[in-house]
Amino acid sequence: MQADLTSSLIINFIVLIIAIAIVIKGKSLRAKKSSSGISASSNETSTGTALIICGLVLGFIQISKLIAVFL
């Protein structure tokens, strides 16, 4: 049973790190848009926003799973 808990924690932390990386990538896409002067309706802006939202949702899910493990 201990190995199952440990592997679950490792997987949850890895997915949480991936969620943080997705948010960072989304923010860099949006920053790239603002520096190049592209209009707000460009693909890079919408892709950046979508990555930020997906990363935040994934992060909240993983944090709630980690809280559930420790309670």
C-alpha atoms as a PDB file:
ATOM      1  CA  MET A   1       0.000   0.000   0.000  1.00  0.00           C
ATOM      2  CA  GLN A   2       2.863   2.408   0.716  1.00  0.00           C
ATOM      3  CA  ALA A   3       4.278   2.026  -2.806  1.00  0.00           C
ATOM      4  CA  ASP A   4       0.871   2.883  -4.265  1.00  0.00           C
ATOM      5  CA  LEU A   5       0.674   6.091  -2.224  1.00  0.00           C
ATOM      6  CA  THR A   6       4.216   7.078  -3.145  1.00  0.00           C
ATOM      7  CA  SER A   7       3.689   6.524  -6.848  1.00  0.00           C
ATOM      8  CA  SER A   8       0.417   8.465  -6.703  1.00  0.00           C
ATOM      9  CA  LEU A   9       2.178  11.417  -5.049  1.00  0.00           C
ATOM     10  CA  ILE A  10       4.984  11.345  -7.608  1.00  0.00           C
ATOM     11  CA  ILE A  11       2.499  11.348 -10.494  1.00  0.00           C
ATOM     12  CA  ASN A  12       0.492  14.187  -8.924  1.00  0.00           C
ATOM     13  CA  PHE A  13       3.601  16.331  -8.446  1.00  0.00           C
ATOM     14  CA  ILE A  14       4.777  15.669 -12.022  1.00  0.00           C
ATOM     15  CA  VAL A  15       1.386  16.677 -13.427  1.00  0.00           C
ATOM     16  CA  LEU A  16       1.434  19.791 -11.215  1.00  0.00           C
ATOM     17  CA  ILE A  17       4.837  20.742 -12.630  1.00  0.00           C
ATOM     18  CA  ILE A  18       3.481  20.206 -16.156  1.00  0.00           C
ATOM     19  CA  ALA A  19       0.525  22.474 -15.342  1.00  0.00           C
ATOM     20  CA  ILE A  20       2.914  25.202 -14.198  1.00  0.00           C
ATOM     21  CA  ALA A  21       4.925  24.810 -17.411  1.00  0.00           C
ATOM     22  CA  ILE A  22       1.735  25.122 -19.498  1.00  0.00           C
ATOM     23  CA  VAL A  23       0.819  28.379 -17.741  1.00  0.00           C
ATOM     24  CA  ILE A  24       4.334  29.760 -18.266  1.00  0.00           C
ATOM     25  CA  LYS A  25       4.208  28.864 -21.971  1.00  0.00           C
ATOM     26  CA  GLY A  26       0.816  30.553 -22.309  1.00  0.00           C
ATOM     27  CA  LYS A  27       2.101  33.709 -20.637  1.00  0.00           C
ATOM     28  CA  SER A  28       5.138  33.789 -22.932  1.00  0.00           C
ATOM     29  CA  LEU A  29       2.882  33.507 -25.998  1.00  0.00           C
ATOM     30  CA  ARG A  30       0.776  36.425 -24.767  1.00  0.00           C
ATOM     31  CA  ALA A  31       3.883  38.488 -23.986  1.00  0.00           C
ATOM     32  CA  LYS A  32       5.246  37.776 -27.447  1.00  0.00           C
ATOM     33  CA  LYS A  33       2.009  39.131 -28.904  1.00  0.00           C
ATOM     34  CA  SER A  34       2.198  42.376 -26.979  1.00  0.00           C
ATOM     35  CA  SER A  35       5.808  43.021 -27.951  1.00  0.00           C
ATOM     36  CA  SER A  36       5.232  42.446 -31.663  1.00  0.00           C
ATOM     37  CA  GLY A  37       2.063  44.552 -31.880  1.00  0.00           C
ATOM     38  CA  ILE A  38      -0.203  41.830 -33.270  1.00  0.00           C
ATOM     39  CA  SER A  39      -3.924  42.454 -32.904  1.00  0.00           C
ATOM     40  CA  ALA A  40      -5.790  40.973 -29.950  1.00  0.00           C
ATOM     41  CA  SER A  41      -7.610  38.451 -32.132  1.00  0.00           C
ATOM     42  CA  SER A  42      -4.481  36.648 -33.323  1.00  0.00           C
ATOM     43  CA  ASN A  43      -3.950  32.924 -32.961  1.00  0.00           C
ATOM     44  CA  GLU A  44      -1.031  33.401 -30.580  1.00  0.00           C
ATOM     45  CA  THR A  45      -3.186  35.381 -28.157  1.00  0.00           C
ATOM     46  CA  SER A  46      -6.023  32.881 -28.165  1.00  0.00           C
ATOM     47  CA  THR A  47      -3.598  29.971 -27.893  1.00  0.00           C
ATOM     48  CA  GLY A  48      -1.824  31.670 -25.004  1.00  0.00           C
ATOM     49  CA  THR A  49      -5.097  32.303 -23.208  1.00  0.00           C
ATOM     50  CA  ALA A  50      -6.239  28.720 -23.768  1.00  0.00           C
ATOM     51  CA  LEU A  51      -2.946  27.382 -22.392  1.00  0.00           C
ATOM     52  CA  ILE A  52      -3.215  29.573 -19.306  1.00  0.00           C
ATOM     53  CA  ILE A  53      -6.781  28.445 -18.617  1.00  0.00           C
ATOM     54  CA  CYS A  54      -5.993  24.756 -19.180  1.00  0.00           C
ATOM     55  CA  GLY A  55      -2.887  24.975 -17.007  1.00  0.00           C
ATOM     56  CA  LEU A  56      -4.789  26.656 -14.183  1.00  0.00           C
ATOM     57  CA  VAL A  57      -7.622  24.107 -14.296  1.00  0.00           C
ATOM     58  CA  LEU A  58      -5.137  21.236 -14.336  1.00  0.00           C
ATOM     59  CA  GLY A  59      -3.216  22.804 -11.457  1.00  0.00           C
ATOM     60  CA  PHE A  60      -6.343  23.265  -9.338  1.00  0.00           C
ATOM     61  CA  ILE A  61      -7.359  19.657  -9.951  1.00  0.00           C
ATOM     62  CA  GLN A  62      -3.948  18.368  -8.923  1.00  0.00           C
ATOM     63  CA  ILE A  63      -3.848  20.549  -5.813  1.00  0.00           C
ATOM     64  CA  SER A  64      -7.267  19.250  -4.781  1.00  0.00           C
ATOM     65  CA  LYS A  65      -6.073  15.668  -5.320  1.00  0.00           C
ATOM     66  CA  LEU A  66      -2.998  16.328  -3.173  1.00  0.00           C
ATOM     67  CA  ILE A  67      -5.141  17.839  -0.430  1.00  0.00           C
ATOM     68  CA  ALA A  68      -7.438  14.793  -0.557  1.00  0.00           C
ATOM     69  CA  VAL A  69      -4.457  12.456  -0.150  1.00  0.00           C
ATOM     70  CA  PHE A  70      -3.273  14.211   3.003  1.00  0.00           C
ATOM     71  CA  LEU A  71      -6.696  14.547   4.669  1.00  0.00           C
END
